[in-house]
PDB file of N, CA and C in Angstrom:
ATOM      1  N   MET A   1      23.153   0.470   4.427  1.00  0.00           N
ATOM      2  CA  MET A   1      21.775   0.076   4.464  1.00  0.00           C
ATOM      3  C   MET A   1      21.539  -0.649   5.813  1.00  0.00           C
ATOM      4  N   SER A   2      20.648  -0.143   6.605  1.00  0.00           N
ATOM      5  CA  SER A   2      20.453  -0.743   7.913  1.00  0.00           C
ATOM      6  C   SER A   2      19.538  -1.958   7.818  1.00  0.00           C
ATOM      7  N   ALA A   3      19.650  -2.691   8.952  1.00  0.00           N
ATOM      8  CA  ALA A   3      18.777  -3.866   9.033  1.00  0.00           C
ATOM      9  C   ALA A   3      17.265  -3.441   9.205  1.00  0.00           C
ATOM     10  N   ALA A   4      16.994  -2.344   9.827  1.00  0.00           N
ATOM     11  CA  ALA A   4      15.689  -1.815  10.052  1.00  0.00           C
ATOM     12  C   ALA A   4      15.137  -1.445   8.706  1.00  0.00           C
ATOM     13  N   TYR A   5      15.896  -0.813   7.874  1.00  0.00           N
ATOM     14  CA  TYR A   5      15.400  -0.456   6.495  1.00  0.00           C
ATOM     15  C   TYR A   5      15.046  -1.700   5.673  1.00  0.00           C
ATOM     16  N   VAL A   6      15.861  -2.652   5.705  1.00  0.00           N
ATOM     17  CA  VAL A   6      15.603  -3.882   4.939  1.00  0.00           C
ATOM     18  C   VAL A   6      14.355  -4.584   5.482  1.00  0.00           C
ATOM     19  N   THR A   7      14.281  -4.726   6.810  1.00  0.00           N
ATOM     20  CA  THR A   7      13.180  -5.459   7.418  1.00  0.00           C
ATOM     21  C   THR A   7      11.895  -4.742   7.155  1.00  0.00           C
ATOM     22  N   VAL A   8      11.853  -3.429   7.376  1.00  0.00           N
ATOM     23  CA  VAL A   8      10.529  -2.674   7.199  1.00  0.00           C
ATOM     24  C   VAL A   8      10.133  -2.711   5.749  1.00  0.00           C
ATOM     25  N   THR A   9      11.158  -2.667   4.871  1.00  0.00           N
ATOM     26  CA  THR A   9      10.801  -2.660   3.388  1.00  0.00           C
ATOM     27  C   THR A   9      10.285  -4.065   3.035  1.00  0.00           C
ATOM     28  N   LEU A  10      10.898  -5.135   3.574  1.00  0.00           N
ATOM     29  CA  LEU A  10      10.405  -6.511   3.175  1.00  0.00           C
ATOM     30  C   LEU A  10       9.014  -6.748   3.749  1.00  0.00           C
ATOM     31  N   VAL A  11       8.689  -6.319   4.952  1.00  0.00           N
ATOM     32  CA  VAL A  11       7.413  -6.501   5.588  1.00  0.00           C
ATOM     33  C   VAL A  11       6.392  -5.756   4.801  1.00  0.00           C
ATOM     34  N   THR A  12       6.681  -4.527   4.502  1.00  0.00           N
ATOM     35  CA  THR A  12       5.708  -3.616   3.767  1.00  0.00           C
ATOM     36  C   THR A  12       5.532  -4.209   2.376  1.00  0.00           C
ATOM     37  N   ALA A  13       6.521  -4.663   1.738  1.00  0.00           N
ATOM     38  CA  ALA A  13       6.348  -5.251   0.400  1.00  0.00           C
ATOM     39  C   ALA A  13       5.573  -6.517   0.487  1.00  0.00           C
ATOM     40  N   PHE A  14       5.671  -7.344   1.515  1.00  0.00           N
ATOM     41  CA  PHE A  14       4.926  -8.503   1.675  1.00  0.00           C
ATOM     42  C   PHE A  14       3.374  -8.120   1.812  1.00  0.00           C
ATOM     43  N   PHE A  15       3.094  -7.179   2.659  1.00  0.00           N
ATOM     44  CA  PHE A  15       1.719  -6.755   2.875  1.00  0.00           C
ATOM     45  C   PHE A  15       1.121  -6.178   1.634  1.00  0.00           C
ATOM     46  N   THR A  16       1.768  -5.231   0.957  1.00  0.00           N
ATOM     47  CA  THR A  16       1.201  -4.629  -0.195  1.00  0.00           C
ATOM     48  C   THR A  16       1.177  -5.583  -1.424  1.00  0.00           C
ATOM     49  N   GLY A  17       2.223  -6.372  -1.478  1.00  0.00           N
ATOM     50  CA  GLY A  17       2.243  -7.395  -2.614  1.00  0.00           C
ATOM     51  C   GLY A  17       1.101  -8.418  -2.451  1.00  0.00           C
ATOM     52  N   SER A  18       0.886  -8.842  -1.217  1.00  0.00           N
ATOM     53  CA  SER A  18      -0.232  -9.812  -0.977  1.00  0.00           C
ATOM     54  C   SER A  18      -1.556  -9.186  -1.337  1.00  0.00           C
ATOM     55  N   ALA A  19      -1.750  -7.935  -0.959  1.00  0.00           N
ATOM     56  CA  ALA A  19      -2.997  -7.248  -1.363  1.00  0.00           C
ATOM     57  C   ALA A  19      -3.115  -7.068  -2.785  1.00  0.00           C
ATOM     58  N   ALA A  20      -2.019  -6.758  -3.422  1.00  0.00           N
ATOM     59  CA  ALA A  20      -2.090  -6.611  -4.961  1.00  0.00           C
ATOM     60  C   ALA A  20      -2.483  -7.948  -5.599  1.00  0.00           C
ATOM     61  N   VAL A  21      -1.984  -9.021  -5.119  1.00  0.00           N
ATOM     62  CA  VAL A  21      -2.337 -10.374  -5.683  1.00  0.00           C
ATOM     63  C   VAL A  21      -3.824 -10.534  -5.501  1.00  0.00           C
ATOM     64  N   PHE A  22      -4.401 -10.274  -4.353  1.00  0.00           N
ATOM     65  CA  PHE A  22      -5.749 -10.492  -4.092  1.00  0.00           C
ATOM     66  C   PHE A  22      -6.608  -9.667  -5.015  1.00  0.00           C
ATOM     67  N   TYR A  23      -6.212  -8.439  -5.200  1.00  0.00           N
ATOM     68  CA  TYR A  23      -6.963  -7.524  -6.116  1.00  0.00           C
ATOM     69  C   TYR A  23      -6.840  -7.973  -7.583  1.00  0.00           C
ATOM     70  N   LEU A  24      -5.714  -8.436  -7.965  1.00  0.00           N
ATOM     71  CA  LEU A  24      -5.443  -8.773  -9.394  1.00  0.00           C
ATOM     72  C   LEU A  24      -6.076 -10.130  -9.767  1.00  0.00           C
ATOM     73  N   ILE A  25      -6.144 -11.080  -8.848  1.00  0.00           N
ATOM     74  CA  ILE A  25      -6.706 -12.417  -9.213  1.00  0.00           C
ATOM     75  C   ILE A  25      -8.227 -12.424  -9.189  1.00  0.00           C
ATOM     76  N   GLY A  26      -8.788 -11.321  -8.727  1.00  0.00           N
ATOM     77  CA  GLY A  26     -10.287 -11.195  -8.707  1.00  0.00           C
ATOM     78  C   GLY A  26     -10.892 -11.825  -7.436  1.00  0.00           C
ATOM     79  N   HIS A  27     -10.159 -11.867  -6.317  1.00  0.00           N
ATOM     80  CA  HIS A  27     -10.683 -12.387  -5.131  1.00  0.00           C
ATOM     81  C   HIS A  27     -11.896 -11.606  -4.662  1.00  0.00           C
ATOM     82  N   GLU A  28     -12.849 -12.248  -3.963  1.00  0.00           N
ATOM     83  CA  GLU A  28     -14.103 -11.601  -3.571  1.00  0.00           C
ATOM     84  C   GLU A  28     -13.910 -10.497  -2.562  1.00  0.00           C
ATOM     85  N   TYR A  29     -12.948 -10.592  -1.655  1.00  0.00           N
ATOM     86  CA  TYR A  29     -12.836  -9.573  -0.650  1.00  0.00           C
ATOM     87  C   TYR A  29     -12.584  -8.202  -1.206  1.00  0.00           C
ATOM     88  N   PRO A  30     -11.708  -7.941  -2.154  1.00  0.00           N
ATOM     89  CA  PRO A  30     -11.512  -6.599  -2.684  1.00  0.00           C
ATOM     90  C   PRO A  30     -12.843  -6.159  -3.400  1.00  0.00           C
ATOM     91  N   LYS A  31     -13.515  -7.116  -4.063  1.00  0.00           N
ATOM     92  CA  LYS A  31     -14.748  -6.706  -4.728  1.00  0.00           C
ATOM     93  C   LYS A  31     -15.787  -6.234  -3.748  1.00  0.00           C
ATOM     94  N   SER A  32     -15.940  -7.007  -2.644  1.00  0.00           N
ATOM     95  CA  SER A  32     -16.953  -6.581  -1.611  1.00  0.00           C
ATOM     96  C   SER A  32     -16.570  -5.260  -1.019  1.00  0.00           C
ATOM     97  N   GLN A  33     -15.216  -5.023  -0.807  1.00  0.00           N
ATOM     98  CA  GLN A  33     -14.825  -3.742  -0.291  1.00  0.00           C
ATOM     99  C   GLN A  33     -15.127  -2.566  -1.251  1.00  0.00           C
ATOM    100  N   ALA A  34     -14.954  -2.848  -2.516  1.00  0.00           N
ATOM    101  CA  ALA A  34     -15.228  -1.867  -3.499  1.00  0.00           C
ATOM    102  C   ALA A  34     -16.729  -1.525  -3.495  1.00  0.00           C
ATOM    103  N   ASP A  35     -17.578  -2.571  -3.413  1.00  0.00           N
ATOM    104  CA  ASP A  35     -19.009  -2.401  -3.358  1.00  0.00           C
ATOM    105  C   ASP A  35     -19.341  -1.590  -2.092  1.00  0.00           C
ATOM    106  N   MET A  36     -18.744  -1.859  -0.956  1.00  0.00           N
ATOM    107  CA  MET A  36     -19.166  -1.185   0.245  1.00  0.00           C
ATOM    108  C   MET A  36     -18.747   0.289   0.168  1.00  0.00           C
ATOM    109  N   LYS A  37     -17.695   0.586  -0.514  1.00  0.00           N
ATOM    110  CA  LYS A  37     -17.164   2.007  -0.686  1.00  0.00           C
ATOM    111  C   LYS A  37     -17.781   2.670  -1.856  1.00  0.00           C
ATOM    112  N   ARG A  38     -18.615   1.983  -2.608  1.00  0.00           N
ATOM    113  CA  ARG A  38     -19.327   2.506  -3.785  1.00  0.00           C
ATOM    114  C   ARG A  38     -18.254   2.884  -4.896  1.00  0.00           C
ATOM    115  N   ILE A  39     -17.265   2.030  -5.028  1.00  0.00           N
ATOM    116  CA  ILE A  39     -16.276   2.180  -6.111  1.00  0.00           C
ATOM    117  C   ILE A  39     -16.571   1.120  -7.174  1.00  0.00           C
ATOM    118  N   PRO A  40     -16.675   1.502  -8.395  1.00  0.00           N
ATOM    119  CA  PRO A  40     -16.960   0.498  -9.447  1.00  0.00           C
ATOM    120  C   PRO A  40     -16.062  -0.614  -9.492  1.00  0.00           C
ATOM    121  N   ARG A  41     -16.511  -1.824  -9.620  1.00  0.00           N
ATOM    122  CA  ARG A  41     -15.648  -2.999  -9.622  1.00  0.00           C
ATOM    123  C   ARG A  41     -14.581  -2.977 -10.743  1.00  0.00           C
ATOM    124  N   ARG A  42     -14.785  -2.207 -11.817  1.00  0.00           N
ATOM    125  CA  ARG A  42     -13.809  -2.202 -12.883  1.00  0.00           C
ATOM    126  C   ARG A  42     -12.521  -1.492 -12.322  1.00  0.00           C
ATOM    127  N   TYR A  43     -12.559  -0.755 -11.317  1.00  0.00           N
ATOM    128  CA  TYR A  43     -11.364  -0.157 -10.701  1.00  0.00           C
ATOM    129  C   TYR A  43     -10.534  -1.048  -9.826  1.00  0.00           C
ATOM    130  N   VAL A  44     -11.095  -2.243  -9.454  1.00  0.00           N
ATOM    131  CA  VAL A  44     -10.357  -3.161  -8.557  1.00  0.00           C
ATOM    132  C   VAL A  44      -9.023  -3.518  -9.183  1.00  0.00           C
ATOM    133  N   PRO A  45      -8.970  -3.987 -10.433  1.00  0.00           N
ATOM    134  CA  PRO A  45      -7.688  -4.320 -11.044  1.00  0.00           C
ATOM    135  C   PRO A  45      -6.731  -3.145 -11.091  1.00  0.00           C
ATOM    136  N   VAL A  46      -7.256  -1.960 -11.345  1.00  0.00           N
ATOM    137  CA  VAL A  46      -6.398  -0.743 -11.343  1.00  0.00           C
ATOM    138  C   VAL A  46      -5.782  -0.504  -9.985  1.00  0.00           C
ATOM    139  N   LEU A  47      -6.570  -0.684  -8.975  1.00  0.00           N
ATOM    140  CA  LEU A  47      -6.106  -0.496  -7.552  1.00  0.00           C
ATOM    141  C   LEU A  47      -4.983  -1.614  -7.217  1.00  0.00           C
ATOM    142  N   GLY A  48      -5.301  -2.762  -7.754  1.00  0.00           N
ATOM    143  CA  GLY A  48      -4.229  -3.831  -7.644  1.00  0.00           C
ATOM    144  C   GLY A  48      -2.996  -3.572  -8.315  1.00  0.00           C
ATOM    145  N   GLY A  49      -3.075  -2.954  -9.530  1.00  0.00           N
ATOM    146  CA  GLY A  49      -1.917  -2.552 -10.238  1.00  0.00           C
ATOM    147  C   GLY A  49      -1.170  -1.485  -9.520  1.00  0.00           C
ATOM    148  N   LEU A  50      -1.831  -0.562  -8.894  1.00  0.00           N
ATOM    149  CA  LEU A  50      -1.168   0.498  -8.154  1.00  0.00           C
ATOM    150  C   LEU A  50      -0.408  -0.088  -6.938  1.00  0.00           C
ATOM    151  N   LEU A  51      -1.066  -1.083  -6.308  1.00  0.00           N
ATOM    152  CA  LEU A  51      -0.329  -1.740  -5.232  1.00  0.00           C
ATOM    153  C   LEU A  51       0.808  -2.534  -5.698  1.00  0.00           C
ATOM    154  N   ALA A  52       0.685  -3.216  -6.858  1.00  0.00           N
ATOM    155  CA  ALA A  52       1.805  -3.908  -7.344  1.00  0.00           C
ATOM    156  C   ALA A  52       2.980  -3.038  -7.788  1.00  0.00           C
ATOM    157  N   ALA A  53       2.627  -1.898  -8.328  1.00  0.00           N
ATOM    158  CA  ALA A  53       3.673  -0.886  -8.724  1.00  0.00           C
ATOM    159  C   ALA A  53       4.335  -0.364  -7.470  1.00  0.00           C
ATOM    160  N   GLY A  54       3.634  -0.111  -6.403  1.00  0.00           N
ATOM    161  CA  GLY A  54       4.286   0.302  -5.210  1.00  0.00           C
ATOM    162  C   GLY A  54       5.130  -0.743  -4.558  1.00  0.00           C
ATOM    163  N   THR A  55       4.679  -2.013  -4.600  1.00  0.00           N
ATOM    164  CA  THR A  55       5.516  -3.071  -4.091  1.00  0.00           C
ATOM    165  C   THR A  55       6.822  -3.253  -4.889  1.00  0.00           C
ATOM    166  N   THR A  56       6.736  -3.143  -6.241  1.00  0.00           N
ATOM    167  CA  THR A  56       7.886  -3.185  -7.044  1.00  0.00           C
ATOM    168  C   THR A  56       8.819  -2.081  -6.767  1.00  0.00           C
ATOM    169  N   GLY A  57       8.347  -0.897  -6.560  1.00  0.00           N
ATOM    170  CA  GLY A  57       9.090   0.258  -6.221  1.00  0.00           C
ATOM    171  C   GLY A  57       9.863   0.157  -4.929  1.00  0.00           C
ATOM    172  N   LEU A  58       9.125  -0.401  -3.910  1.00  0.00           N
ATOM    173  CA  LEU A  58       9.765  -0.645  -2.695  1.00  0.00           C
ATOM    174  C   LEU A  58      10.964  -1.578  -2.755  1.00  0.00           C
ATOM    175  N   LEU A  59      10.738  -2.678  -3.480  1.00  0.00           N
ATOM    176  CA  LEU A  59      11.771  -3.672  -3.583  1.00  0.00           C
ATOM    177  C   LEU A  59      12.948  -3.117  -4.466  1.00  0.00           C
ATOM    178  N   THR A  60      12.652  -2.354  -5.469  1.00  0.00           N
ATOM    179  CA  THR A  60      13.638  -1.697  -6.295  1.00  0.00           C
ATOM    180  C   THR A  60      14.457  -0.738  -5.460  1.00  0.00           C
ATOM    181  N   GLY A  61      13.767  -0.124  -4.411  1.00  0.00           N
ATOM    182  CA  GLY A  61      14.372   0.799  -3.554  1.00  0.00           C
ATOM    183  C   GLY A  61      15.481   0.244  -2.742  1.00  0.00           C
ATOM    184  N   LEU A  62      15.550  -1.051  -2.616  1.00  0.00           N
ATOM    185  CA  LEU A  62      16.698  -1.692  -1.887  1.00  0.00           C
ATOM    186  C   LEU A  62      17.946  -1.480  -2.718  1.00  0.00           C
ATOM    187  N   ALA A  63      17.895  -1.270  -4.043  1.00  0.00           N
ATOM    188  CA  ALA A  63      19.051  -1.015  -4.858  1.00  0.00           C
ATOM    189  C   ALA A  63      19.198   0.496  -5.161  1.00  0.00           C
ATOM    190  N   VAL A  64      17.984   1.111  -5.355  1.00  0.00           N
ATOM    191  CA  VAL A  64      18.021   2.562  -5.653  1.00  0.00           C
ATOM    192  C   VAL A  64      17.098   3.234  -4.663  1.00  0.00           C
ATOM    193  N   PRO A  65      17.629   3.694  -3.523  1.00  0.00           N
ATOM    194  CA  PRO A  65      16.802   4.232  -2.415  1.00  0.00           C
ATOM    195  C   PRO A  65      15.795   5.325  -2.792  1.00  0.00           C
ATOM    196  N   ALA A  66      16.197   6.156  -3.769  1.00  0.00           N
ATOM    197  CA  ALA A  66      15.252   7.192  -4.166  1.00  0.00           C
ATOM    198  C   ALA A  66      13.972   6.655  -4.780  1.00  0.00           C
ATOM    199  N   LEU A  67      14.072   5.598  -5.494  1.00  0.00           N
ATOM    200  CA  LEU A  67      12.824   4.936  -6.012  1.00  0.00           C
ATOM    201  C   LEU A  67      11.980   4.289  -4.869  1.00  0.00           C
ATOM    202  N   GLY A  68      12.609   3.759  -3.876  1.00  0.00           N
ATOM    203  CA  GLY A  68      11.887   3.215  -2.734  1.00  0.00           C
ATOM    204  C   GLY A  68      11.174   4.336  -2.000  1.00  0.00           C
ATOM    205  N   THR A  69      11.808   5.491  -1.872  1.00  0.00           N
ATOM    206  CA  THR A  69      11.106   6.568  -1.232  1.00  0.00           C
ATOM    207  C   THR A  69       9.957   7.082  -2.050  1.00  0.00           C
ATOM    208  N   ALA A  70      10.114   7.157  -3.326  1.00  0.00           N
ATOM    209  CA  ALA A  70       9.030   7.592  -4.231  1.00  0.00           C
ATOM    210  C   ALA A  70       7.838   6.595  -4.182  1.00  0.00           C
ATOM    211  N   ALA A  71       8.157   5.275  -4.072  1.00  0.00           N
ATOM    212  CA  ALA A  71       7.097   4.202  -3.977  1.00  0.00           C
ATOM    213  C   ALA A  71       6.401   4.331  -2.572  1.00  0.00           C
ATOM    214  N   ALA A  72       7.158   4.638  -1.577  1.00  0.00           N
ATOM    215  CA  ALA A  72       6.627   4.722  -0.243  1.00  0.00           C
ATOM    216  C   ALA A  72       5.612   5.955  -0.197  1.00  0.00           C
ATOM    217  N   ILE A  73       6.033   7.072  -0.848  1.00  0.00           N
ATOM    218  CA  ILE A  73       5.160   8.152  -0.848  1.00  0.00           C
ATOM    219  C   ILE A  73       3.905   7.834  -1.642  1.00  0.00           C
ATOM    220  N   GLY A  74       4.007   7.205  -2.769  1.00  0.00           N
ATOM    221  CA  GLY A  74       2.802   6.732  -3.465  1.00  0.00           C
ATOM    222  C   GLY A  74       1.880   5.854  -2.720  1.00  0.00           C
ATOM    223  N   LEU A  75       2.533   4.946  -1.885  1.00  0.00           N
ATOM    224  CA  LEU A  75       1.605   4.035  -1.086  1.00  0.00           C
ATOM    225  C   LEU A  75       1.003   4.743   0.062  1.00  0.00           C
ATOM    226  N   VAL A  76       1.631   5.769   0.679  1.00  0.00           N
ATOM    227  CA  VAL A  76       1.001   6.592   1.684  1.00  0.00           C
ATOM    228  C   VAL A  76      -0.174   7.380   1.056  1.00  0.00           C
ATOM    229  N   LEU A  77       0.037   7.869  -0.159  1.00  0.00           N
ATOM    230  CA  LEU A  77      -1.077   8.535  -0.897  1.00  0.00           C
ATOM    231  C   LEU A  77      -2.256   7.645  -1.176  1.00  0.00           C
ATOM    232  N   TYR A  78      -1.852   6.440  -1.551  1.00  0.00           N
ATOM    233  CA  TYR A  78      -2.965   5.347  -1.896  1.00  0.00           C
ATOM    234  C   TYR A  78      -3.753   5.060  -0.623  1.00  0.00           C
ATOM    235  N   PHE A  79      -3.129   4.849   0.453  1.00  0.00           N
ATOM    236  CA  PHE A  79      -3.880   4.518   1.686  1.00  0.00           C
ATOM    237  C   PHE A  79      -4.537   5.769   2.342  1.00  0.00           C
ATOM    238  N   THR A  80      -4.087   6.953   2.028  1.00  0.00           N
ATOM    239  CA  THR A  80      -4.833   8.135   2.372  1.00  0.00           C
ATOM    240  C   THR A  80      -6.119   8.201   1.574  1.00  0.00           C
ATOM    241  N   GLY A  81      -6.031   7.854   0.338  1.00  0.00           N
ATOM    242  CA  GLY A  81      -7.260   7.772  -0.471  1.00  0.00           C
ATOM    243  C   GLY A  81      -8.203   6.697  -0.005  1.00  0.00           C
ATOM    244  N   ALA A  82      -7.640   5.549   0.484  1.00  0.00           N
ATOM    245  CA  ALA A  82      -8.507   4.494   1.027  1.00  0.00           C
ATOM    246  C   ALA A  82      -9.197   4.977   2.285  1.00  0.00           C
ATOM    247  N   LEU A  83      -8.545   5.765   3.079  1.00  0.00           N
ATOM    248  CA  LEU A  83      -9.212   6.330   4.330  1.00  0.00           C
ATOM    249  C   LEU A  83     -10.315   7.246   3.886  1.00  0.00           C
ATOM    250  N   VAL A  84     -10.140   8.106   2.949  1.00  0.00           N
ATOM    251  CA  VAL A  84     -11.127   8.923   2.402  1.00  0.00           C
ATOM    252  C   VAL A  84     -12.404   8.136   1.916  1.00  0.00           C
ATOM    253  N   ALA A  85     -12.042   7.076   1.172  1.00  0.00           N
ATOM    254  CA  ALA A  85     -13.132   6.176   0.595  1.00  0.00           C
ATOM    255  C   ALA A  85     -13.978   5.636   1.785  1.00  0.00           C
ATOM    256  N   HIS A  86     -13.259   5.202   2.815  1.00  0.00           N
ATOM    257  CA  HIS A  86     -13.972   4.580   4.012  1.00  0.00           C
ATOM    258  C   HIS A  86     -14.817   5.694   4.660  1.00  0.00           C
ATOM    259  N   LEU A  87     -14.324   6.773   4.943  1.00  0.00           N
ATOM    260  CA  LEU A  87     -14.992   7.861   5.690  1.00  0.00           C
ATOM    261  C   LEU A  87     -16.139   8.425   4.840  1.00  0.00           C
ATOM    262  N   ARG A  88     -15.999   8.434   3.550  1.00  0.00           N
ATOM    263  CA  ARG A  88     -17.013   8.953   2.613  1.00  0.00           C
ATOM    264  C   ARG A  88     -18.316   8.160   2.761  1.00  0.00           C
ATOM    265  N   VAL A  89     -18.253   6.868   2.953  1.00  0.00           N
ATOM    266  CA  VAL A  89     -19.407   5.993   3.112  1.00  0.00           C
ATOM    267  C   VAL A  89     -19.790   5.783   4.569  1.00  0.00           C
ATOM    268  N   GLY A  90     -19.067   6.409   5.450  1.00  0.00           N
ATOM    269  CA  GLY A  90     -19.422   6.165   6.902  1.00  0.00           C
ATOM    270  C   GLY A  90     -18.918   4.914   7.536  1.00  0.00           C
ATOM    271  N   SER A  91     -17.909   4.242   6.856  1.00  0.00           N
ATOM    272  CA  SER A  91     -17.378   3.082   7.359  1.00  0.00           C
ATOM    273  C   SER A  91     -16.411   3.393   8.532  1.00  0.00           C
ATOM    274  N   ARG A  92     -16.516   2.760   9.617  1.00  0.00           N
ATOM    275  CA  ARG A  92     -15.652   2.946  10.804  1.00  0.00           C
ATOM    276  C   ARG A  92     -14.828   1.694  11.026  1.00  0.00           C
ATOM    277  N   ASN A  93     -14.841   0.676  10.084  1.00  0.00           N
ATOM    278  CA  ASN A  93     -14.114  -0.482  10.246  1.00  0.00           C
ATOM    279  C   ASN A  93     -12.678  -0.256   9.577  1.00  0.00           C
ATOM    280  N   LEU A  94     -11.827   0.334  10.402  1.00  0.00           N
ATOM    281  CA  LEU A  94     -10.528   0.829   9.859  1.00  0.00           C
ATOM    282  C   LEU A  94      -9.368   0.022  10.385  1.00  0.00           C
ATOM    283  N   ILE A  95      -9.525  -1.115  10.970  1.00  0.00           N
ATOM    284  CA  ILE A  95      -8.477  -1.870  11.470  1.00  0.00           C
ATOM    285  C   ILE A  95      -7.504  -2.311  10.350  1.00  0.00           C
ATOM    286  N   GLY A  96      -7.986  -2.875   9.228  1.00  0.00           N
ATOM    287  CA  GLY A  96      -7.205  -3.283   8.120  1.00  0.00           C
ATOM    288  C   GLY A  96      -6.492  -2.119   7.500  1.00  0.00           C
ATOM    289  N   TRP A  97      -7.229  -1.050   7.363  1.00  0.00           N
ATOM    290  CA  TRP A  97      -6.590   0.249   6.839  1.00  0.00           C
ATOM    291  C   TRP A  97      -5.438   0.630   7.740  1.00  0.00           C
ATOM    292  N   ALA A  98      -5.664   0.666   9.023  1.00  0.00           N
ATOM    293  CA  ALA A  98      -4.664   1.152   9.937  1.00  0.00           C
ATOM    294  C   ALA A  98      -3.425   0.370   9.864  1.00  0.00           C
ATOM    295  N   VAL A  99      -3.529  -0.997   9.753  1.00  0.00           N
ATOM    296  CA  VAL A  99      -2.354  -1.859   9.610  1.00  0.00           C
ATOM    297  C   VAL A  99      -1.507  -1.503   8.388  1.00  0.00           C
ATOM    298  N   PHE A 100      -2.176  -1.329   7.267  1.00  0.00           N
ATOM    299  CA  PHE A 100      -1.454  -0.949   6.077  1.00  0.00           C
ATOM    300  C   PHE A 100      -0.920   0.490   6.174  1.00  0.00           C
ATOM    301  N   ALA A 101      -1.712   1.390   6.692  1.00  0.00           N
ATOM    302  CA  ALA A 101      -1.224   2.784   6.762  1.00  0.00           C
ATOM    303  C   ALA A 101      -0.066   2.976   7.669  1.00  0.00           C
ATOM    304  N   VAL A 102      -0.058   2.251   8.868  1.00  0.00           N
ATOM    305  CA  VAL A 102       1.074   2.342   9.698  1.00  0.00           C
ATOM    306  C   VAL A 102       2.337   1.790   9.121  1.00  0.00           C
ATOM    307  N   THR A 103       2.154   0.635   8.361  1.00  0.00           N
ATOM    308  CA  THR A 103       3.246  -0.073   7.743  1.00  0.00           C
ATOM    309  C   THR A 103       3.885   0.835   6.647  1.00  0.00           C
ATOM    310  N   VAL A 104       3.075   1.356   5.791  1.00  0.00           N
ATOM    311  CA  VAL A 104       3.639   2.135   4.641  1.00  0.00           C
ATOM    312  C   VAL A 104       4.172   3.444   5.140  1.00  0.00           C
ATOM    313  N   THR A 105       3.598   4.063   6.222  1.00  0.00           N
ATOM    314  CA  THR A 105       4.092   5.319   6.812  1.00  0.00           C
ATOM    315  C   THR A 105       5.407   5.041   7.431  1.00  0.00           C
ATOM    316  N   THR A 106       5.558   3.908   8.174  1.00  0.00           N
ATOM    317  CA  THR A 106       6.787   3.581   8.842  1.00  0.00           C
ATOM    318  C   THR A 106       7.867   3.341   7.792  1.00  0.00           C
ATOM    319  N   ASN A 107       7.463   2.686   6.668  1.00  0.00           N
ATOM    320  CA  ASN A 107       8.431   2.507   5.567  1.00  0.00           C
ATOM    321  C   ASN A 107       8.915   3.840   4.969  1.00  0.00           C
ATOM    322  N   LEU A 108       8.007   4.766   4.763  1.00  0.00           N
ATOM    323  CA  LEU A 108       8.393   6.087   4.271  1.00  0.00           C
ATOM    324  C   LEU A 108       9.400   6.801   5.241  1.00  0.00           C
ATOM    325  N   ILE A 109       9.024   6.788   6.490  1.00  0.00           N
ATOM    326  CA  ILE A 109       9.962   7.345   7.558  1.00  0.00           C
ATOM    327  C   ILE A 109      11.357   6.677   7.494  1.00  0.00           C
ATOM    328  N   VAL A 110      11.399   5.391   7.387  1.00  0.00           N
ATOM    329  CA  VAL A 110      12.673   4.701   7.422  1.00  0.00           C
ATOM    330  C   VAL A 110      13.338   5.016   6.136  1.00  0.00           C
ATOM    331  N   ASN A 111      12.641   5.028   4.999  1.00  0.00           N
ATOM    332  CA  ASN A 111      13.283   5.377   3.691  1.00  0.00           C
ATOM    333  C   ASN A 111      13.840   6.797   3.760  1.00  0.00           C
ATOM    334  N   VAL A 112      13.195   7.774   4.261  1.00  0.00           N
ATOM    335  CA  VAL A 112      13.740   9.186   4.301  1.00  0.00           C
ATOM    336  C   VAL A 112      14.868   9.268   5.214  1.00  0.00           C
ATOM    337  N   THR A 113      14.773   8.615   6.422  1.00  0.00           N
ATOM    338  CA  THR A 113      15.978   8.712   7.262  1.00  0.00           C
ATOM    339  C   THR A 113      17.214   7.924   6.696  1.00  0.00           C
ATOM    340  N   GLN A 114      16.991   6.889   5.921  1.00  0.00           N
ATOM    341  CA  GLN A 114      18.012   6.186   5.189  1.00  0.00           C
ATOM    342  C   GLN A 114      18.745   7.024   4.227  1.00  0.00           C
ATOM    343  N   LEU A 115      18.003   7.914   3.524  1.00  0.00           N
ATOM    344  CA  LEU A 115      18.667   8.796   2.577  1.00  0.00           C
ATOM    345  C   LEU A 115      19.606   9.830   3.119  1.00  0.00           C
ATOM    346  N   TYR A 116      19.327  10.238   4.328  1.00  0.00           N
ATOM    347  CA  TYR A 116      20.136  11.337   4.962  1.00  0.00           C
ATOM    348  C   TYR A 116      20.981  10.853   6.006  1.00  0.00           C
TER     349      TYR A 116
END
């Protein structure tokens, strides 16, 4: 297990885990983002649960790399959906999305290269 793999995984888990907490505690920011993207607020905890599951999968991947890879794939798909949600409503404020997308994509690349 390389230092890059551990570092990228911990950074990604911190980002996605922090976002999951904000979604799950009912913070106003995720609610306002859901409103802006015309997503019903009842889905905010579901999205937080998906982020929490991805975070748990990434951390579990430190022991079972295939699970980490599966979690990384799920998070890349999650943030692809987030991009679609932004573009669907004409939002061009993509800085936050880009930080998360680059982080989870980097994690996926490191995970896949770690497996082989």
